[in-house]
């Protein structure tokens, strides 16, 4: 049976399969959420990634059929 937490609970320690150890996990709506260390690592990767250039679709609405 899964654990349920009160609304005041912010994080709790659980085993993380990605980190292969016990880490703090976010508590979402009274249930176990994602690992805080994994979230931090993903945010760093997204911030370090170069921004993608937007591609424009040419000739889509200018009458070119």
PDB file of N, CA and C in Angstrom:
ATOM      1  N   UNK A   1       0.836  -1.173   0.000  1.00  0.00           N
ATOM      2  CA  UNK A   1       0.000   0.000   0.000  1.00  0.00           C
ATOM      3  C   UNK A   1       0.885   1.242   0.000  1.00  0.00           C
ATOM      4  N   UNK A   2       0.549   2.246  -0.807  1.00  0.00           N
ATOM      5  CA  UNK A   2       1.371   3.441  -0.913  1.00  0.00           C
ATOM      6  C   UNK A   2       1.171   4.350   0.291  1.00  0.00           C
ATOM      7  N   UNK A   3       2.157   5.197   0.520  1.00  0.00           N
ATOM      8  CA  UNK A   3       2.072   6.133   1.626  1.00  0.00           C
ATOM      9  C   UNK A   3       1.365   7.395   1.177  1.00  0.00           C
ATOM     10  N   UNK A   4       0.621   7.994   2.085  1.00  0.00           N
ATOM     11  CA  UNK A   4      -0.027   9.272   1.833  1.00  0.00           C
ATOM     12  C   UNK A   4       0.455  10.245   2.886  1.00  0.00           C
ATOM     13  N   UNK A   5       0.675  11.485   2.488  1.00  0.00           N
ATOM     14  CA  UNK A   5       1.220  12.491   3.384  1.00  0.00           C
ATOM     15  C   UNK A   5       0.230  13.629   3.570  1.00  0.00           C
ATOM     16  N   UNK A   6       0.433  14.399   4.640  1.00  0.00           N
ATOM     17  CA  UNK A   6      -0.418  15.559   4.890  1.00  0.00           C
ATOM     18  C   UNK A   6      -0.084  16.666   3.891  1.00  0.00           C
ATOM     19  N   UNK A   7      -0.922  17.687   3.822  1.00  0.00           N
ATOM     20  CA  UNK A   7      -0.686  18.807   2.903  1.00  0.00           C
ATOM     21  C   UNK A   7       0.534  19.623   3.298  1.00  0.00           C
ATOM     22  N   UNK A   8       0.910  19.577   4.560  1.00  0.00           N
ATOM     23  CA  UNK A   8       2.059  20.334   5.039  1.00  0.00           C
ATOM     24  C   UNK A   8       3.391  19.684   4.669  1.00  0.00           C
ATOM     25  N   UNK A   9       3.385  18.430   4.259  1.00  0.00           N
ATOM     26  CA  UNK A   9       4.620  17.719   3.914  1.00  0.00           C
ATOM     27  C   UNK A   9       5.135  18.210   2.563  1.00  0.00           C
ATOM     28  N   UNK A  10       6.406  18.609   2.530  1.00  0.00           N
ATOM     29  CA  UNK A  10       7.015  19.139   1.306  1.00  0.00           C
ATOM     30  C   UNK A  10       7.879  18.087   0.621  1.00  0.00           C
ATOM     31  N   UNK A  11       8.683  17.358   1.412  1.00  0.00           N
ATOM     32  CA  UNK A  11       9.543  16.330   0.831  1.00  0.00           C
ATOM     33  C   UNK A  11       9.746  15.202   1.835  1.00  0.00           C
ATOM     34  N   UNK A  12      10.161  14.049   1.309  1.00  0.00           N
ATOM     35  CA  UNK A  12      10.429  12.875   2.145  1.00  0.00           C
ATOM     36  C   UNK A  12      11.516  12.049   1.468  1.00  0.00           C
ATOM     37  N   UNK A  13      12.186  11.222   2.242  1.00  0.00           N
ATOM     38  CA  UNK A  13      13.279  10.406   1.733  1.00  0.00           C
ATOM     39  C   UNK A  13      12.741   9.078   1.180  1.00  0.00           C
ATOM     40  N   UNK A  14      13.115   8.779  -0.068  1.00  0.00           N
ATOM     41  CA  UNK A  14      12.744   7.519  -0.729  1.00  0.00           C
ATOM     42  C   UNK A  14      13.931   7.050  -1.563  1.00  0.00           C
ATOM     43  N   UNK A  15      13.890   5.803  -1.987  1.00  0.00           N
ATOM     44  CA  UNK A  15      14.909   5.271  -2.879  1.00  0.00           C
ATOM     45  C   UNK A  15      14.623   5.745  -4.299  1.00  0.00           C
ATOM     46  N   UNK A  16      15.638   6.294  -4.956  1.00  0.00           N
ATOM     47  CA  UNK A  16      15.512   6.753  -6.342  1.00  0.00           C
ATOM     48  C   UNK A  16      16.203   5.744  -7.254  1.00  0.00           C
ATOM     49  N   UNK A  17      15.469   5.216  -8.215  1.00  0.00           N
ATOM     50  CA  UNK A  17      16.025   4.241  -9.142  1.00  0.00           C
ATOM     51  C   UNK A  17      17.062   4.837 -10.075  1.00  0.00           C
ATOM     52  N   UNK A  18      16.918   6.106 -10.431  1.00  0.00           N
ATOM     53  CA  UNK A  18      17.882   6.756 -11.319  1.00  0.00           C
ATOM     54  C   UNK A  18      19.190   7.057 -10.591  1.00  0.00           C
ATOM     55  N   UNK A  19      19.083   7.530  -9.339  1.00  0.00           N
ATOM     56  CA  UNK A  19      20.276   7.859  -8.557  1.00  0.00           C
ATOM     57  C   UNK A  19      20.868   6.630  -7.864  1.00  0.00           C
ATOM     58  N   UNK A  20      20.093   5.557  -7.758  1.00  0.00           N
ATOM     59  CA  UNK A  20      20.489   4.304  -7.099  1.00  0.00           C
ATOM     60  C   UNK A  20      20.849   4.507  -5.630  1.00  0.00           C
ATOM     61  N   UNK A  21      20.111   5.394  -4.962  1.00  0.00           N
ATOM     62  CA  UNK A  21      20.306   5.606  -3.530  1.00  0.00           C
ATOM     63  C   UNK A  21      19.095   6.335  -2.964  1.00  0.00           C
ATOM     64  N   UNK A  22      19.072   6.518  -1.653  1.00  0.00           N
ATOM     65  CA  UNK A  22      17.987   7.246  -1.016  1.00  0.00           C
ATOM     66  C   UNK A  22      18.210   8.743  -1.179  1.00  0.00           C
ATOM     67  N   UNK A  23      17.196   9.439  -1.660  1.00  0.00           N
ATOM     68  CA  UNK A  23      17.255  10.886  -1.851  1.00  0.00           C
ATOM     69  C   UNK A  23      15.932  11.501  -1.427  1.00  0.00           C
ATOM     70  N   UNK A  24      15.899  12.824  -1.361  1.00  0.00           N
ATOM     71  CA  UNK A  24      14.669  13.538  -1.048  1.00  0.00           C
ATOM     72  C   UNK A  24      13.788  13.595  -2.290  1.00  0.00           C
ATOM     73  N   UNK A  25      12.520  13.314  -2.115  1.00  0.00           N
ATOM     74  CA  UNK A  25      11.552  13.360  -3.199  1.00  0.00           C
ATOM     75  C   UNK A  25      10.482  14.394  -2.863  1.00  0.00           C
ATOM     76  N   UNK A  26      10.000  15.080  -3.872  1.00  0.00           N
ATOM     77  CA  UNK A  26       8.924  16.040  -3.704  1.00  0.00           C
ATOM     78  C   UNK A  26       7.631  15.293  -3.397  1.00  0.00           C
ATOM     79  N   UNK A  27       6.774  15.892  -2.589  1.00  0.00           N
ATOM     80  CA  UNK A  27       5.469  15.308  -2.281  1.00  0.00           C
ATOM     81  C   UNK A  27       4.423  16.082  -3.068  1.00  0.00           C
ATOM     82  N   UNK A  28       3.743  15.415  -3.991  1.00  0.00           N
ATOM     83  CA  UNK A  28       2.720  16.020  -4.841  1.00  0.00           C
ATOM     84  C   UNK A  28       1.354  15.497  -4.436  1.00  0.00           C
ATOM     85  N   UNK A  29       0.484  16.387  -3.988  1.00  0.00           N
ATOM     86  CA  UNK A  29      -0.896  16.035  -3.615  1.00  0.00           C
ATOM     87  C   UNK A  29      -0.948  14.859  -2.651  1.00  0.00           C
ATOM     88  N   UNK A  30      -0.033  14.840  -1.695  1.00  0.00           N
ATOM     89  CA  UNK A  30      -0.031  13.795  -0.686  1.00  0.00           C
ATOM     90  C   UNK A  30       0.628  12.500  -1.096  1.00  0.00           C
ATOM     91  N   UNK A  31       1.245  12.456  -2.272  1.00  0.00           N
ATOM     92  CA  UNK A  31       1.921  11.236  -2.741  1.00  0.00           C
ATOM     93  C   UNK A  31       3.349  11.547  -3.168  1.00  0.00           C
ATOM     94  N   UNK A  32       4.152  10.504  -3.268  1.00  0.00           N
ATOM     95  CA  UNK A  32       5.565  10.650  -3.649  1.00  0.00           C
ATOM     96  C   UNK A  32       5.682  11.200  -5.058  1.00  0.00           C
ATOM     97  N   UNK A  33       6.501  12.236  -5.198  1.00  0.00           N
ATOM     98  CA  UNK A  33       6.751  12.836  -6.499  1.00  0.00           C
ATOM     99  C   UNK A  33       8.162  12.519  -6.969  1.00  0.00           C
ATOM    100  N   UNK A  34       8.686  13.293  -7.907  1.00  0.00           N
ATOM    101  CA  UNK A  34      10.015  13.031  -8.456  1.00  0.00           C
ATOM    102  C   UNK A  34      11.137  13.374  -7.472  1.00  0.00           C
ATOM    103  N   UNK A  35      12.295  12.811  -7.724  1.00  0.00           N
ATOM    104  CA  UNK A  35      13.501  13.034  -6.933  1.00  0.00           C
ATOM    105  C   UNK A  35      13.960  14.475  -7.131  1.00  0.00           C
ATOM    106  N   UNK A  36      14.272  15.167  -6.043  1.00  0.00           N
ATOM    107  CA  UNK A  36      14.689  16.561  -6.129  1.00  0.00           C
ATOM    108  C   UNK A  36      16.048  16.709  -6.810  1.00  0.00           C
ATOM    109  N   UNK A  37      16.946  15.746  -6.614  1.00  0.00           N
ATOM    110  CA  UNK A  37      18.256  15.802  -7.259  1.00  0.00           C
ATOM    111  C   UNK A  37      18.141  15.586  -8.766  1.00  0.00           C
ATOM    112  N   UNK A  38      17.242  14.704  -9.190  1.00  0.00           N
ATOM    113  CA  UNK A  38      17.030  14.472 -10.623  1.00  0.00           C
ATOM    114  C   UNK A  38      16.432  15.723 -11.280  1.00  0.00           C
ATOM    115  N   UNK A  39      15.498  16.371 -10.581  1.00  0.00           N
ATOM    116  CA  UNK A  39      14.895  17.597 -11.113  1.00  0.00           C
ATOM    117  C   UNK A  39      15.957  18.671 -11.282  1.00  0.00           C
ATOM    118  N   UNK A  40      16.817  18.830 -10.270  1.00  0.00           N
ATOM    119  CA  UNK A  40      17.878  19.830 -10.319  1.00  0.00           C
ATOM    120  C   UNK A  40      18.833  19.549 -11.476  1.00  0.00           C
ATOM    121  N   UNK A  41      19.188  18.279 -11.665  1.00  0.00           N
ATOM    122  CA  UNK A  41      20.101  17.889 -12.745  1.00  0.00           C
ATOM    123  C   UNK A  41      19.483  18.196 -14.116  1.00  0.00           C
ATOM    124  N   UNK A  42      18.192  17.914 -14.295  1.00  0.00           N
ATOM    125  CA  UNK A  42      17.512  18.186 -15.564  1.00  0.00           C
ATOM    126  C   UNK A  42      17.412  19.682 -15.836  1.00  0.00           C
ATOM    127  N   UNK A  43      17.147  20.482 -14.801  1.00  0.00           N
ATOM    128  CA  UNK A  43      17.069  21.927 -14.980  1.00  0.00           C
ATOM    129  C   UNK A  43      18.411  22.500 -15.415  1.00  0.00           C
ATOM    130  N   UNK A  44      19.512  21.979 -14.859  1.00  0.00           N
ATOM    131  CA  UNK A  44      20.848  22.419 -15.258  1.00  0.00           C
ATOM    132  C   UNK A  44      21.125  22.056 -16.719  1.00  0.00           C
ATOM    133  N   UNK A  45      20.722  20.862 -17.144  1.00  0.00           N
ATOM    134  CA  UNK A  45      20.928  20.437 -18.529  1.00  0.00           C
ATOM    135  C   UNK A  45      20.131  21.314 -19.486  1.00  0.00           C
ATOM    136  N   UNK A  46      18.893  21.649 -19.133  1.00  0.00           N
ATOM    137  CA  UNK A  46      18.063  22.479 -19.998  1.00  0.00           C
ATOM    138  C   UNK A  46      18.601  23.908 -20.074  1.00  0.00           C
ATOM    139  N   UNK A  47      19.138  24.424 -18.972  1.00  0.00           N
ATOM    140  CA  UNK A  47      19.691  25.777 -18.959  1.00  0.00           C
ATOM    141  C   UNK A  47      20.982  25.850 -19.771  1.00  0.00           C
ATOM    142  N   UNK A  48      21.763  24.764 -19.794  1.00  0.00           N
ATOM    143  CA  UNK A  48      23.035  24.748 -20.505  1.00  0.00           C
ATOM    144  C   UNK A  48      22.861  24.490 -22.004  1.00  0.00           C
ATOM    145  N   UNK A  49      21.732  23.941 -22.408  1.00  0.00           N
ATOM    146  CA  UNK A  49      21.507  23.628 -23.825  1.00  0.00           C
ATOM    147  C   UNK A  49      21.361  24.922 -24.628  1.00  0.00           C
ATOM    148  N   UNK A  50      21.942  24.973 -25.820  1.00  0.00           N
ATOM    149  CA  UNK A  50      21.814  26.184 -26.646  1.00  0.00           C
ATOM    150  C   UNK A  50      20.368  26.349 -27.120  1.00  0.00           C
ATOM    151  N   UNK A  51      19.894  27.578 -27.208  1.00  0.00           N
ATOM    152  CA  UNK A  51      18.512  27.789 -27.673  1.00  0.00           C
ATOM    153  C   UNK A  51      18.364  27.385 -29.138  1.00  0.00           C
ATOM    154  N   UNK A  52      17.229  26.805 -29.440  1.00  0.00           N
ATOM    155  CA  UNK A  52      16.979  26.353 -30.804  1.00  0.00           C
ATOM    156  C   UNK A  52      16.484  27.527 -31.647  1.00  0.00           C
ATOM    157  N   UNK A  53      16.965  27.593 -32.866  1.00  0.00           N
ATOM    158  CA  UNK A  53      16.500  28.624 -33.786  1.00  0.00           C
ATOM    159  C   UNK A  53      15.135  28.214 -34.328  1.00  0.00           C
ATOM    160  N   UNK A  54      14.228  29.178 -34.395  1.00  0.00           N
ATOM    161  CA  UNK A  54      12.891  28.873 -34.890  1.00  0.00           C
ATOM    162  C   UNK A  54      12.922  28.745 -36.410  1.00  0.00           C
ATOM    163  N   UNK A  55      12.283  27.710 -36.895  1.00  0.00           N
ATOM    164  CA  UNK A  55      12.202  27.499 -38.326  1.00  0.00           C
ATOM    165  C   UNK A  55      10.906  28.109 -38.837  1.00  0.00           C
ATOM    166  N   UNK A  56      11.006  28.846 -39.925  1.00  0.00           N
ATOM    167  CA  UNK A  56       9.818  29.460 -40.503  1.00  0.00           C
ATOM    168  C   UNK A  56       9.333  28.604 -41.665  1.00  0.00           C
ATOM    169  N   UNK A  57       8.034  28.432 -41.723  1.00  0.00           N
ATOM    170  CA  UNK A  57       7.449  27.693 -42.828  1.00  0.00           C
ATOM    171  C   UNK A  57       7.182  28.685 -43.953  1.00  0.00           C
ATOM    172  N   UNK A  58       7.861  28.479 -45.044  1.00  0.00           N
ATOM    173  CA  UNK A  58       7.711  29.393 -46.160  1.00  0.00           C
ATOM    174  C   UNK A  58       6.716  28.836 -47.169  1.00  0.00           C
ATOM    175  N   UNK A  59       5.935  29.732 -47.714  1.00  0.00           N
ATOM    176  CA  UNK A  59       5.011  29.335 -48.760  1.00  0.00           C
ATOM    177  C   UNK A  59       3.770  28.612 -48.267  1.00  0.00           C
ATOM    178  N   UNK A  60       3.526  28.647 -46.986  1.00  0.00           N
ATOM    179  CA  UNK A  60       2.384  27.919 -46.452  1.00  0.00           C
ATOM    180  C   UNK A  60       1.070  28.620 -46.767  1.00  0.00           C
ATOM    181  N   UNK A  61       1.039  29.950 -46.607  1.00  0.00           N
ATOM    182  CA  UNK A  61      -0.194  30.676 -46.805  1.00  0.00           C
ATOM    183  C   UNK A  61      -0.069  31.773 -47.865  1.00  0.00           C
ATOM    184  N   UNK A  62       0.976  31.797 -48.624  1.00  0.00           N
ATOM    185  CA  UNK A  62       1.154  32.860 -49.607  1.00  0.00           C
ATOM    186  C   UNK A  62       0.669  32.473 -51.008  1.00  0.00           C
ATOM    187  N   UNK A  63      -0.152  31.467 -51.108  1.00  0.00           N
ATOM    188  CA  UNK A  63      -0.728  31.076 -52.380  1.00  0.00           C
ATOM    189  C   UNK A  63       0.060  30.045 -53.148  1.00  0.00           C
ATOM    190  N   UNK A  64       1.181  29.635 -52.631  1.00  0.00           N
ATOM    191  CA  UNK A  64       1.985  28.602 -53.299  1.00  0.00           C
ATOM    192  C   UNK A  64       1.374  27.245 -52.993  1.00  0.00           C
ATOM    193  N   UNK A  65       0.821  26.624 -54.004  1.00  0.00           N
ATOM    194  CA  UNK A  65       0.159  25.353 -53.764  1.00  0.00           C
ATOM    195  C   UNK A  65       0.913  24.200 -54.355  1.00  0.00           C
TER     196      UNK A  65
END
